[in-house]
């Protein structure tokens, strides 16, 4: 249960689906409720598939390129800290790879569930590097199953949040979403720093 809570909380903080609400609302404002539900479902499924693939395949990608897990932790930690600062300062929409050109292009396409919603808005380098590091740290079958359940749970919460995005945007308002995102941003920064420091400790132990 402790591992599940840790993985769920870490992934939810890094993915920050609440920060995706304004963009989701903007991209689906002309869609029907059924179409919004369909996009929400496919976005969550895409995120789940991307994260599971990153979790199980990422280690072999690192081995192919000769990248150590400590180097990944440092790089991933920097990305996570950068995302956290973006959330903390209220600039998260500009830091998630979705600019005006991407938004305009997304409105012209029929399906936005994969891009830009799943990638890069939700499943980005920070979450992928986090999962690869978790794969290295927790090696037993039961731990991997628990991690997959946590990934599925995060995807389920993403579906619920996006499905309710228009309602939440009216209830919370822009200021409410920014306030929550800044709290999450602080947690994200702490997660990123933890990964950087743990990697540095391992490197100095080897030296």
N, C-alpha and C. Protein backbone atom coordinates (compact mmCIF):
# COMPACT_ATOMS: atom_id res chain seq x y z
N UNK A 1 0.83 -1.21 0.00
CA UNK A 1 0.00 0.00 0.00
C UNK A 1 0.87 1.26 0.00
N UNK A 2 1.98 1.23 0.74
CA UNK A 2 2.87 2.39 0.78
C UNK A 2 3.46 2.68 -0.60
N UNK A 3 3.86 1.61 -1.30
CA UNK A 3 4.41 1.78 -2.65
C UNK A 3 3.35 2.35 -3.59
N UNK A 4 2.13 1.84 -3.49
CA UNK A 4 1.04 2.33 -4.35
C UNK A 4 0.82 3.82 -4.13
N UNK A 5 0.74 4.23 -2.85
CA UNK A 5 0.50 5.64 -2.54
C UNK A 5 1.64 6.50 -3.04
N UNK A 6 2.88 6.01 -2.86
CA UNK A 6 4.05 6.78 -3.30
C UNK A 6 4.05 6.97 -4.81
N UNK A 7 3.86 5.87 -5.56
CA UNK A 7 3.87 5.95 -7.03
C UNK A 7 2.71 6.79 -7.52
N UNK A 8 1.53 6.58 -6.95
CA UNK A 8 0.35 7.35 -7.37
C UNK A 8 0.56 8.84 -7.13
N UNK A 9 1.01 9.19 -5.92
CA UNK A 9 1.20 10.61 -5.59
C UNK A 9 2.27 11.24 -6.45
N UNK A 10 3.38 10.52 -6.67
CA UNK A 10 4.48 11.06 -7.48
C UNK A 10 4.03 11.27 -8.92
N UNK A 11 3.37 10.27 -9.50
CA UNK A 11 2.92 10.38 -10.89
C UNK A 11 1.87 11.47 -11.05
N UNK A 12 0.92 11.51 -10.12
CA UNK A 12 -0.14 12.52 -10.21
C UNK A 12 0.45 13.93 -10.14
N UNK A 13 1.44 14.09 -9.26
CA UNK A 13 2.06 15.41 -9.11
C UNK A 13 2.82 15.81 -10.36
N UNK A 14 3.57 14.86 -10.93
CA UNK A 14 4.37 15.17 -12.12
C UNK A 14 3.47 15.38 -13.34
N UNK A 15 2.46 14.53 -13.52
CA UNK A 15 1.56 14.67 -14.66
C UNK A 15 0.68 15.92 -14.53
N UNK A 16 0.23 16.19 -13.31
CA UNK A 16 -0.62 17.35 -13.00
C UNK A 16 -1.78 17.51 -13.98
N UNK A 17 -2.74 16.59 -13.96
CA UNK A 17 -3.88 16.71 -14.87
C UNK A 17 -4.72 17.96 -14.64
N UNK A 18 -4.67 18.52 -13.42
CA UNK A 18 -5.42 19.76 -13.16
C UNK A 18 -4.90 20.90 -14.02
N UNK A 19 -3.58 20.89 -14.27
CA UNK A 19 -3.00 21.92 -15.11
C UNK A 19 -3.42 21.81 -16.56
N UNK A 20 -3.95 20.63 -16.95
CA UNK A 20 -4.38 20.42 -18.34
C UNK A 20 -5.82 20.87 -18.56
N UNK A 21 -6.53 21.19 -17.48
CA UNK A 21 -7.94 21.55 -17.60
C UNK A 21 -8.17 22.76 -18.51
N UNK A 22 -7.45 23.88 -18.32
CA UNK A 22 -7.72 25.04 -19.19
C UNK A 22 -7.51 24.75 -20.67
N UNK A 23 -6.45 24.00 -20.99
CA UNK A 23 -6.17 23.69 -22.39
C UNK A 23 -7.22 22.72 -22.94
N UNK A 24 -7.60 21.72 -22.13
CA UNK A 24 -8.63 20.78 -22.56
C UNK A 24 -9.95 21.52 -22.83
N UNK A 25 -10.31 22.43 -21.95
CA UNK A 25 -11.55 23.20 -22.13
C UNK A 25 -11.47 24.02 -23.41
N UNK A 26 -10.32 24.63 -23.65
CA UNK A 26 -10.17 25.45 -24.85
C UNK A 26 -10.24 24.63 -26.13
N UNK A 27 -9.68 23.42 -26.10
CA UNK A 27 -9.66 22.59 -27.31
C UNK A 27 -10.99 21.88 -27.57
N UNK A 28 -11.82 21.75 -26.54
CA UNK A 28 -13.08 20.99 -26.70
C UNK A 28 -14.31 21.85 -26.48
N UNK A 29 -14.16 23.15 -26.53
CA UNK A 29 -15.30 24.04 -26.22
C UNK A 29 -16.44 23.90 -27.22
N UNK A 30 -16.14 23.47 -28.45
CA UNK A 30 -17.18 23.35 -29.46
C UNK A 30 -17.67 21.91 -29.62
N UNK A 31 -17.15 20.99 -28.80
CA UNK A 31 -17.53 19.58 -28.90
C UNK A 31 -18.74 19.26 -28.04
N UNK A 32 -19.41 18.18 -28.38
CA UNK A 32 -20.54 17.72 -27.57
C UNK A 32 -20.03 17.02 -26.31
N UNK A 33 -20.93 16.77 -25.37
CA UNK A 33 -20.56 16.10 -24.13
C UNK A 33 -20.06 14.68 -24.42
N UNK A 34 -20.68 14.00 -25.38
CA UNK A 34 -20.24 12.65 -25.75
C UNK A 34 -18.85 12.67 -26.36
N UNK A 35 -18.57 13.67 -27.18
CA UNK A 35 -17.25 13.77 -27.80
C UNK A 35 -16.18 14.10 -26.76
N UNK A 36 -16.52 14.94 -25.81
CA UNK A 36 -15.57 15.23 -24.73
C UNK A 36 -15.26 13.99 -23.91
N UNK A 37 -16.29 13.19 -23.65
CA UNK A 37 -16.08 11.95 -22.90
C UNK A 37 -15.18 11.00 -23.67
N UNK A 38 -15.39 10.92 -24.98
CA UNK A 38 -14.57 10.04 -25.81
C UNK A 38 -13.12 10.50 -25.81
N UNK A 39 -12.90 11.80 -25.95
CA UNK A 39 -11.54 12.33 -25.94
C UNK A 39 -10.88 12.10 -24.58
N UNK A 40 -11.65 12.28 -23.51
CA UNK A 40 -11.12 12.05 -22.16
C UNK A 40 -10.69 10.60 -21.99
N UNK A 41 -11.53 9.68 -22.46
CA UNK A 41 -11.23 8.25 -22.34
C UNK A 41 -9.97 7.88 -23.11
N UNK A 42 -9.88 8.33 -24.36
CA UNK A 42 -8.73 7.98 -25.19
C UNK A 42 -7.45 8.67 -24.71
N UNK A 43 -7.58 9.85 -24.15
CA UNK A 43 -6.40 10.51 -23.56
C UNK A 43 -5.87 9.70 -22.40
N UNK A 44 -6.77 9.26 -21.52
CA UNK A 44 -6.36 8.46 -20.37
C UNK A 44 -5.74 7.13 -20.81
N UNK A 45 -6.33 6.49 -21.81
CA UNK A 45 -5.78 5.23 -22.32
C UNK A 45 -4.40 5.44 -22.94
N UNK A 46 -4.25 6.51 -23.70
CA UNK A 46 -2.96 6.82 -24.31
C UNK A 46 -1.89 7.07 -23.25
N UNK A 47 -2.26 7.81 -22.22
CA UNK A 47 -1.31 8.08 -21.13
C UNK A 47 -0.91 6.77 -20.45
N UNK A 48 -1.90 5.91 -20.19
CA UNK A 48 -1.62 4.62 -19.55
C UNK A 48 -0.66 3.79 -20.39
N UNK A 49 -0.91 3.69 -21.69
CA UNK A 49 -0.06 2.90 -22.57
C UNK A 49 1.35 3.47 -22.63
N UNK A 50 1.45 4.79 -22.77
CA UNK A 50 2.77 5.45 -22.85
C UNK A 50 3.57 5.21 -21.57
N UNK A 51 2.91 5.35 -20.42
CA UNK A 51 3.61 5.19 -19.15
C UNK A 51 4.03 3.74 -18.91
N UNK A 52 3.17 2.79 -19.26
CA UNK A 52 3.52 1.37 -19.08
C UNK A 52 4.69 0.99 -19.99
N UNK A 53 4.65 1.45 -21.23
CA UNK A 53 5.76 1.18 -22.15
C UNK A 53 7.05 1.79 -21.62
N UNK A 54 6.98 3.01 -21.13
CA UNK A 54 8.16 3.66 -20.57
C UNK A 54 8.68 2.88 -19.37
N UNK A 55 7.77 2.38 -18.56
CA UNK A 55 8.14 1.66 -17.35
C UNK A 55 8.91 0.37 -17.66
N UNK A 56 8.41 -0.39 -18.65
CA UNK A 56 9.01 -1.70 -18.93
C UNK A 56 10.12 -1.66 -19.98
N UNK A 57 10.05 -0.73 -20.91
CA UNK A 57 11.01 -0.69 -22.01
C UNK A 57 12.14 0.30 -21.76
N UNK A 58 11.89 1.28 -20.90
CA UNK A 58 12.85 2.35 -20.70
C UNK A 58 14.24 1.88 -20.30
N UNK A 59 14.31 0.83 -19.47
CA UNK A 59 15.60 0.32 -19.02
C UNK A 59 16.46 -0.14 -20.19
N UNK A 60 15.83 -0.78 -21.18
CA UNK A 60 16.57 -1.30 -22.33
C UNK A 60 17.00 -0.17 -23.27
N UNK A 61 16.20 0.88 -23.32
CA UNK A 61 16.58 2.05 -24.10
C UNK A 61 17.83 2.69 -23.49
N UNK A 62 17.86 2.77 -22.16
CA UNK A 62 19.03 3.32 -21.48
C UNK A 62 20.27 2.47 -21.76
N UNK A 63 20.09 1.14 -21.68
CA UNK A 63 21.22 0.24 -21.93
C UNK A 63 21.73 0.38 -23.35
N UNK A 64 20.81 0.57 -24.29
CA UNK A 64 21.21 0.71 -25.70
C UNK A 64 22.07 1.95 -25.90
N UNK A 65 21.71 3.05 -25.24
CA UNK A 65 22.45 4.30 -25.39
C UNK A 65 23.57 4.44 -24.36
N UNK A 66 23.72 3.45 -23.49
CA UNK A 66 24.79 3.49 -22.50
C UNK A 66 24.60 4.55 -21.43
N UNK A 67 23.35 4.81 -21.05
CA UNK A 67 23.04 5.82 -20.04
C UNK A 67 22.83 5.13 -18.70
N UNK A 68 23.50 5.61 -17.67
CA UNK A 68 23.36 5.02 -16.34
C UNK A 68 22.07 5.51 -15.69
N UNK A 69 21.60 4.74 -14.69
CA UNK A 69 20.37 5.11 -14.01
C UNK A 69 20.56 6.40 -13.21
N UNK A 70 21.79 6.63 -12.69
CA UNK A 70 22.05 7.86 -11.95
C UNK A 70 22.00 9.08 -12.87
N UNK A 71 22.55 8.93 -14.09
CA UNK A 71 22.47 10.02 -15.06
C UNK A 71 21.02 10.31 -15.41
N UNK A 72 20.21 9.25 -15.53
CA UNK A 72 18.79 9.43 -15.83
C UNK A 72 18.09 10.15 -14.68
N UNK A 73 18.43 9.76 -13.44
CA UNK A 73 17.81 10.42 -12.29
C UNK A 73 18.12 11.91 -12.27
N UNK A 74 19.38 12.26 -12.58
CA UNK A 74 19.75 13.68 -12.57
C UNK A 74 19.02 14.42 -13.68
N UNK A 75 19.04 13.85 -14.91
CA UNK A 75 18.36 14.50 -16.03
C UNK A 75 16.86 14.60 -15.77
N UNK A 76 16.27 13.50 -15.32
CA UNK A 76 14.84 13.50 -15.02
C UNK A 76 14.51 14.44 -13.87
N UNK A 77 15.40 14.49 -12.87
CA UNK A 77 15.17 15.40 -11.75
C UNK A 77 15.18 16.84 -12.18
N UNK A 78 16.09 17.19 -13.10
CA UNK A 78 16.14 18.56 -13.62
C UNK A 78 14.86 18.90 -14.36
N UNK A 79 14.38 17.95 -15.19
CA UNK A 79 13.13 18.18 -15.93
C UNK A 79 11.96 18.33 -14.96
N UNK A 80 11.92 17.48 -13.93
CA UNK A 80 10.83 17.52 -12.96
C UNK A 80 10.87 18.83 -12.17
N UNK A 81 12.08 19.25 -11.73
CA UNK A 81 12.21 20.51 -11.00
C UNK A 81 11.79 21.69 -11.88
N UNK A 82 12.20 21.64 -13.16
CA UNK A 82 11.81 22.70 -14.09
C UNK A 82 10.29 22.78 -14.23
N UNK A 83 9.65 21.61 -14.34
CA UNK A 83 8.18 21.58 -14.43
C UNK A 83 7.55 22.11 -13.15
N UNK A 84 8.17 21.73 -12.01
CA UNK A 84 7.66 22.21 -10.72
C UNK A 84 7.72 23.71 -10.59
N UNK A 85 8.85 24.30 -11.03
CA UNK A 85 8.97 25.76 -10.99
C UNK A 85 7.94 26.42 -11.91
N UNK A 86 7.70 25.78 -13.08
CA UNK A 86 6.70 26.32 -14.00
C UNK A 86 5.32 26.32 -13.36
N UNK A 87 5.00 25.24 -12.64
CA UNK A 87 3.71 25.17 -11.95
C UNK A 87 3.65 26.19 -10.81
N UNK A 88 4.76 26.32 -10.09
CA UNK A 88 4.79 27.21 -8.93
C UNK A 88 4.64 28.67 -9.33
N UNK A 89 5.17 29.02 -10.50
CA UNK A 89 5.11 30.40 -10.95
C UNK A 89 3.89 30.68 -11.82
N UNK A 90 3.08 29.63 -12.09
CA UNK A 90 1.87 29.83 -12.88
C UNK A 90 2.10 29.81 -14.37
N UNK A 91 3.27 29.35 -14.83
CA UNK A 91 3.59 29.31 -16.26
C UNK A 91 3.52 27.90 -16.81
N UNK A 92 2.73 27.03 -16.17
CA UNK A 92 2.72 25.62 -16.57
C UNK A 92 2.22 25.41 -17.99
N UNK A 93 1.30 26.24 -18.46
CA UNK A 93 0.75 26.05 -19.81
C UNK A 93 1.79 26.30 -20.87
N UNK A 94 2.78 27.18 -20.57
CA UNK A 94 3.82 27.47 -21.53
C UNK A 94 4.94 26.47 -21.49
N UNK A 95 5.02 25.70 -20.43
CA UNK A 95 6.14 24.79 -20.23
C UNK A 95 5.80 23.35 -20.59
N UNK A 96 4.61 23.09 -21.04
CA UNK A 96 4.21 21.72 -21.31
C UNK A 96 4.21 21.40 -22.79
N UNK A 97 4.89 22.19 -23.58
CA UNK A 97 5.04 21.89 -25.00
C UNK A 97 3.83 22.21 -25.84
N UNK A 98 2.93 23.03 -25.32
CA UNK A 98 1.72 23.38 -26.06
C UNK A 98 1.71 24.89 -26.28
N UNK A 99 2.16 25.35 -27.44
CA UNK A 99 2.15 26.77 -27.73
C UNK A 99 0.96 27.10 -28.63
N UNK A 100 0.89 28.35 -29.07
CA UNK A 100 -0.26 28.78 -29.86
C UNK A 100 -0.38 28.01 -31.18
N UNK A 101 0.77 27.74 -31.80
CA UNK A 101 0.75 27.02 -33.07
C UNK A 101 0.22 25.60 -32.89
N UNK A 102 0.67 24.93 -31.81
CA UNK A 102 0.20 23.57 -31.54
C UNK A 102 -1.29 23.58 -31.23
N UNK A 103 -1.72 24.57 -30.43
CA UNK A 103 -3.14 24.65 -30.09
C UNK A 103 -4.00 24.87 -31.33
N UNK A 104 -3.57 25.75 -32.21
CA UNK A 104 -4.32 26.01 -33.45
C UNK A 104 -4.39 24.76 -34.31
N UNK A 105 -3.26 24.04 -34.42
CA UNK A 105 -3.23 22.82 -35.22
C UNK A 105 -4.12 21.75 -34.61
N UNK A 106 -4.14 21.68 -33.27
CA UNK A 106 -4.96 20.69 -32.60
C UNK A 106 -6.45 20.93 -32.85
N UNK A 107 -6.85 22.20 -32.90
CA UNK A 107 -8.26 22.51 -33.15
C UNK A 107 -8.69 22.08 -34.55
N UNK A 108 -7.74 22.02 -35.48
CA UNK A 108 -8.07 21.69 -36.85
C UNK A 108 -8.11 20.18 -37.08
N UNK A 109 -7.59 19.40 -36.13
CA UNK A 109 -7.58 17.95 -36.28
C UNK A 109 -8.79 17.34 -35.58
N UNK A 110 -9.15 16.14 -36.02
CA UNK A 110 -10.32 15.49 -35.47
C UNK A 110 -10.07 14.90 -34.09
N UNK A 111 -8.86 14.43 -33.83
CA UNK A 111 -8.59 13.75 -32.58
C UNK A 111 -7.37 14.37 -31.91
N UNK A 112 -7.55 14.86 -30.69
CA UNK A 112 -6.47 15.49 -29.94
C UNK A 112 -6.06 14.64 -28.74
N UNK A 113 -6.60 13.43 -28.64
CA UNK A 113 -6.37 12.60 -27.46
C UNK A 113 -4.90 12.21 -27.31
N UNK A 114 -4.23 11.90 -28.44
CA UNK A 114 -2.83 11.51 -28.36
C UNK A 114 -1.92 12.73 -28.27
N UNK A 115 -2.08 13.64 -29.20
CA UNK A 115 -1.28 14.86 -29.22
C UNK A 115 -2.22 16.05 -29.50
N UNK A 116 -2.20 17.07 -28.68
CA UNK A 116 -1.21 17.34 -27.64
C UNK A 116 -1.59 16.92 -26.23
N UNK A 117 -2.76 16.27 -26.02
CA UNK A 117 -3.21 16.00 -24.66
C UNK A 117 -2.34 14.96 -23.95
N UNK A 118 -2.23 13.74 -24.54
CA UNK A 118 -1.44 12.70 -23.88
C UNK A 118 0.05 13.05 -23.92
N UNK A 119 0.52 13.43 -25.10
CA UNK A 119 1.92 13.89 -25.31
C UNK A 119 1.86 15.25 -25.97
N UNK A 120 2.53 16.26 -25.47
CA UNK A 120 3.42 16.25 -24.29
C UNK A 120 2.77 16.80 -23.03
N UNK A 121 1.46 17.10 -23.08
CA UNK A 121 0.84 17.81 -21.97
C UNK A 121 0.84 17.00 -20.68
N UNK A 122 0.55 15.70 -20.78
CA UNK A 122 0.47 14.86 -19.59
C UNK A 122 1.70 13.96 -19.43
N UNK A 123 1.87 13.04 -20.37
CA UNK A 123 3.01 12.10 -20.30
C UNK A 123 4.22 12.73 -20.96
N UNK A 124 5.12 13.25 -20.16
CA UNK A 124 6.31 13.91 -20.69
C UNK A 124 7.58 13.25 -20.17
N UNK A 125 8.72 13.86 -20.42
CA UNK A 125 10.01 13.30 -19.99
C UNK A 125 10.11 13.08 -18.48
N UNK A 126 9.49 13.98 -17.71
CA UNK A 126 9.56 13.85 -16.26
C UNK A 126 8.92 12.57 -15.76
N UNK A 127 7.71 12.28 -16.22
CA UNK A 127 7.02 11.07 -15.78
C UNK A 127 7.70 9.81 -16.31
N UNK A 128 8.23 9.88 -17.54
CA UNK A 128 8.90 8.72 -18.11
C UNK A 128 10.17 8.37 -17.36
N UNK A 129 10.98 9.39 -17.05
CA UNK A 129 12.22 9.15 -16.31
C UNK A 129 11.91 8.67 -14.89
N UNK A 130 10.84 9.18 -14.31
CA UNK A 130 10.43 8.75 -12.98
C UNK A 130 10.11 7.26 -12.97
N UNK A 131 9.37 6.80 -13.98
CA UNK A 131 8.99 5.39 -14.05
C UNK A 131 10.18 4.49 -14.33
N UNK A 132 11.10 4.93 -15.17
CA UNK A 132 12.30 4.13 -15.44
C UNK A 132 13.11 3.94 -14.16
N UNK A 133 13.23 5.00 -13.38
CA UNK A 133 13.94 4.91 -12.11
C UNK A 133 13.21 3.98 -11.14
N UNK A 134 11.89 4.04 -11.12
CA UNK A 134 11.10 3.16 -10.25
C UNK A 134 11.29 1.69 -10.65
N UNK A 135 11.41 1.43 -11.94
CA UNK A 135 11.62 0.06 -12.42
C UNK A 135 12.94 -0.50 -11.89
N UNK A 136 13.95 0.37 -11.81
CA UNK A 136 15.25 -0.04 -11.31
C UNK A 136 15.23 -0.25 -9.80
N UNK A 137 14.45 0.56 -9.10
CA UNK A 137 14.45 0.52 -7.63
C UNK A 137 13.62 -0.64 -7.08
N UNK A 138 12.52 -0.96 -7.74
CA UNK A 138 11.59 -1.98 -7.24
C UNK A 138 11.58 -3.15 -8.23
N UNK A 139 12.27 -4.22 -7.84
CA UNK A 139 12.55 -5.29 -8.80
C UNK A 139 11.63 -6.51 -8.69
N UNK A 140 10.90 -6.66 -7.59
CA UNK A 140 10.07 -7.85 -7.44
C UNK A 140 8.82 -7.77 -8.32
N UNK A 141 8.27 -8.92 -8.62
CA UNK A 141 7.06 -8.99 -9.46
C UNK A 141 5.90 -8.26 -8.80
N UNK A 142 5.74 -8.47 -7.50
CA UNK A 142 4.62 -7.84 -6.79
C UNK A 142 4.74 -6.31 -6.83
N UNK A 143 5.95 -5.80 -6.70
CA UNK A 143 6.16 -4.35 -6.75
C UNK A 143 5.85 -3.78 -8.13
N UNK A 144 6.20 -4.54 -9.16
CA UNK A 144 5.92 -4.09 -10.53
C UNK A 144 4.41 -4.10 -10.79
N UNK A 145 3.72 -5.10 -10.25
CA UNK A 145 2.26 -5.15 -10.40
C UNK A 145 1.61 -3.98 -9.69
N UNK A 146 2.08 -3.68 -8.47
CA UNK A 146 1.53 -2.55 -7.71
C UNK A 146 1.77 -1.25 -8.46
N UNK A 147 2.97 -1.11 -9.06
CA UNK A 147 3.27 0.11 -9.82
C UNK A 147 2.33 0.24 -11.02
N UNK A 148 2.07 -0.87 -11.72
CA UNK A 148 1.15 -0.84 -12.86
C UNK A 148 -0.27 -0.47 -12.42
N UNK A 149 -0.68 -0.98 -11.26
CA UNK A 149 -2.00 -0.63 -10.72
C UNK A 149 -2.06 0.87 -10.41
N UNK A 150 -0.96 1.40 -9.86
CA UNK A 150 -0.90 2.84 -9.57
C UNK A 150 -0.97 3.66 -10.86
N UNK A 151 -0.27 3.19 -11.92
CA UNK A 151 -0.33 3.87 -13.21
C UNK A 151 -1.75 3.86 -13.75
N UNK A 152 -2.42 2.71 -13.65
CA UNK A 152 -3.81 2.61 -14.11
C UNK A 152 -4.71 3.55 -13.31
N UNK A 153 -4.48 3.63 -12.00
CA UNK A 153 -5.30 4.50 -11.14
C UNK A 153 -5.12 5.96 -11.52
N UNK A 154 -3.87 6.35 -11.82
CA UNK A 154 -3.62 7.73 -12.25
C UNK A 154 -4.34 8.00 -13.57
N UNK A 155 -4.28 7.03 -14.50
CA UNK A 155 -4.97 7.19 -15.78
C UNK A 155 -6.48 7.32 -15.56
N UNK A 156 -7.03 6.55 -14.62
CA UNK A 156 -8.46 6.63 -14.31
C UNK A 156 -8.82 8.01 -13.76
N UNK A 157 -7.97 8.54 -12.89
CA UNK A 157 -8.22 9.87 -12.33
C UNK A 157 -8.13 10.93 -13.44
N UNK A 158 -7.18 10.75 -14.36
CA UNK A 158 -7.07 11.66 -15.50
C UNK A 158 -8.36 11.67 -16.31
N UNK A 159 -8.91 10.49 -16.55
CA UNK A 159 -10.18 10.39 -17.28
C UNK A 159 -11.29 11.15 -16.55
N UNK A 160 -11.39 10.94 -15.24
CA UNK A 160 -12.44 11.60 -14.45
C UNK A 160 -12.27 13.12 -14.47
N UNK A 161 -11.02 13.58 -14.32
CA UNK A 161 -10.77 15.03 -14.29
C UNK A 161 -11.07 15.66 -15.64
N UNK A 162 -10.59 15.03 -16.73
CA UNK A 162 -10.84 15.60 -18.06
C UNK A 162 -12.32 15.54 -18.42
N UNK A 163 -12.98 14.47 -18.04
CA UNK A 163 -14.42 14.34 -18.31
C UNK A 163 -15.21 15.44 -17.59
N UNK A 164 -14.69 15.84 -16.42
CA UNK A 164 -15.36 16.88 -15.63
C UNK A 164 -14.69 18.25 -15.80
N UNK A 165 -13.81 18.39 -16.81
CA UNK A 165 -12.99 19.59 -16.95
C UNK A 165 -13.82 20.86 -17.07
N UNK A 166 -14.86 20.83 -17.90
CA UNK A 166 -15.68 22.03 -18.10
C UNK A 166 -16.41 22.42 -16.82
N UNK A 167 -16.87 21.40 -16.08
CA UNK A 167 -17.53 21.65 -14.80
C UNK A 167 -16.53 22.19 -13.77
N UNK A 168 -15.34 21.56 -13.70
CA UNK A 168 -14.32 21.99 -12.74
C UNK A 168 -13.83 23.41 -13.04
N UNK A 169 -13.72 23.74 -14.33
CA UNK A 169 -13.25 25.08 -14.70
C UNK A 169 -14.24 26.15 -14.25
N UNK A 170 -15.52 25.81 -14.25
CA UNK A 170 -16.52 26.76 -13.77
C UNK A 170 -16.50 26.86 -12.25
N UNK A 171 -16.30 25.73 -11.57
CA UNK A 171 -16.32 25.72 -10.10
C UNK A 171 -15.05 26.36 -9.53
N UNK A 172 -13.89 25.90 -10.02
CA UNK A 172 -12.62 26.38 -9.48
C UNK A 172 -12.23 27.74 -10.03
N UNK A 173 -12.53 27.93 -11.32
CA UNK A 173 -12.08 29.16 -11.97
C UNK A 173 -10.59 29.10 -12.26
N UNK A 174 -10.12 30.04 -13.02
CA UNK A 174 -8.71 30.06 -13.39
C UNK A 174 -7.81 30.22 -12.17
N UNK A 175 -8.22 31.07 -11.24
CA UNK A 175 -7.40 31.31 -10.04
C UNK A 175 -7.33 30.06 -9.17
N UNK A 176 -8.43 29.32 -9.08
CA UNK A 176 -8.44 28.09 -8.27
C UNK A 176 -7.53 27.02 -8.85
N UNK A 177 -7.56 26.87 -10.17
CA UNK A 177 -6.71 25.89 -10.83
C UNK A 177 -5.24 26.26 -10.65
N UNK A 178 -4.93 27.54 -10.81
CA UNK A 178 -3.54 28.00 -10.64
C UNK A 178 -3.08 27.76 -9.20
N UNK A 179 -3.96 28.03 -8.22
CA UNK A 179 -3.59 27.85 -6.81
C UNK A 179 -3.26 26.39 -6.51
N UNK A 180 -4.11 25.48 -7.00
CA UNK A 180 -3.87 24.05 -6.79
C UNK A 180 -2.60 23.63 -7.50
N UNK A 181 -2.40 24.11 -8.71
CA UNK A 181 -1.21 23.76 -9.49
C UNK A 181 0.07 24.22 -8.79
N UNK A 182 0.02 25.36 -8.12
CA UNK A 182 1.20 25.85 -7.42
C UNK A 182 1.53 24.97 -6.22
N UNK A 183 0.50 24.48 -5.54
CA UNK A 183 0.74 23.55 -4.44
C UNK A 183 1.37 22.27 -4.97
N UNK A 184 0.81 21.76 -6.07
CA UNK A 184 1.37 20.56 -6.69
C UNK A 184 2.79 20.83 -7.18
N UNK A 185 3.03 22.04 -7.69
CA UNK A 185 4.36 22.41 -8.17
C UNK A 185 5.41 22.29 -7.08
N UNK A 186 5.07 22.68 -5.86
CA UNK A 186 6.01 22.57 -4.75
C UNK A 186 6.37 21.11 -4.49
N UNK A 187 5.37 20.24 -4.56
CA UNK A 187 5.61 18.80 -4.36
C UNK A 187 6.48 18.26 -5.49
N UNK A 188 6.21 18.69 -6.72
CA UNK A 188 6.99 18.25 -7.88
C UNK A 188 8.45 18.65 -7.74
N UNK A 189 8.71 19.87 -7.27
CA UNK A 189 10.08 20.32 -7.06
C UNK A 189 10.79 19.42 -6.05
N UNK A 190 10.10 19.08 -4.97
CA UNK A 190 10.68 18.21 -3.94
C UNK A 190 11.01 16.83 -4.51
N UNK A 191 10.12 16.30 -5.37
CA UNK A 191 10.38 14.99 -5.99
C UNK A 191 11.61 15.07 -6.88
N UNK A 192 11.71 16.12 -7.68
CA UNK A 192 12.86 16.28 -8.57
C UNK A 192 14.16 16.41 -7.81
N UNK A 193 14.17 17.20 -6.74
CA UNK A 193 15.39 17.37 -5.94
C UNK A 193 15.78 16.06 -5.27
N UNK A 194 14.78 15.30 -4.83
CA UNK A 194 15.06 14.01 -4.21
C UNK A 194 15.76 13.07 -5.19
N UNK A 195 15.32 13.06 -6.43
CA UNK A 195 15.96 12.21 -7.43
C UNK A 195 17.37 12.66 -7.74
N UNK A 196 17.59 13.96 -7.81
CA UNK A 196 18.94 14.47 -8.08
C UNK A 196 19.88 14.14 -6.93
N UNK A 197 19.44 14.37 -5.70
CA UNK A 197 20.31 14.13 -4.54
C UNK A 197 20.62 12.64 -4.37
N UNK A 198 19.63 11.77 -4.60
CA UNK A 198 19.87 10.33 -4.48
C UNK A 198 20.87 9.86 -5.53
N UNK A 199 20.81 10.42 -6.73
CA UNK A 199 21.75 10.06 -7.78
C UNK A 199 23.15 10.54 -7.43
N UNK A 200 23.26 11.76 -6.90
CA UNK A 200 24.57 12.30 -6.53
C UNK A 200 25.19 11.49 -5.39
N UNK A 201 24.36 11.07 -4.43
CA UNK A 201 24.86 10.24 -3.32
C UNK A 201 25.42 8.93 -3.86
N UNK A 202 24.71 8.29 -4.79
CA UNK A 202 25.19 7.04 -5.37
C UNK A 202 26.49 7.23 -6.13
N UNK A 203 26.58 8.33 -6.86
CA UNK A 203 27.80 8.60 -7.63
C UNK A 203 29.00 8.79 -6.71
N UNK A 204 28.83 9.55 -5.61
CA UNK A 204 29.93 9.80 -4.69
C UNK A 204 30.31 8.53 -3.91
N UNK A 205 29.32 7.64 -3.69
CA UNK A 205 29.63 6.37 -3.04
C UNK A 205 30.53 5.52 -3.91
N UNK A 206 30.26 5.53 -5.23
CA UNK A 206 31.07 4.75 -6.16
C UNK A 206 32.49 5.31 -6.25
N UNK A 207 32.56 6.65 -6.27
CA UNK A 207 33.86 7.30 -6.34
C UNK A 207 34.64 7.09 -5.05
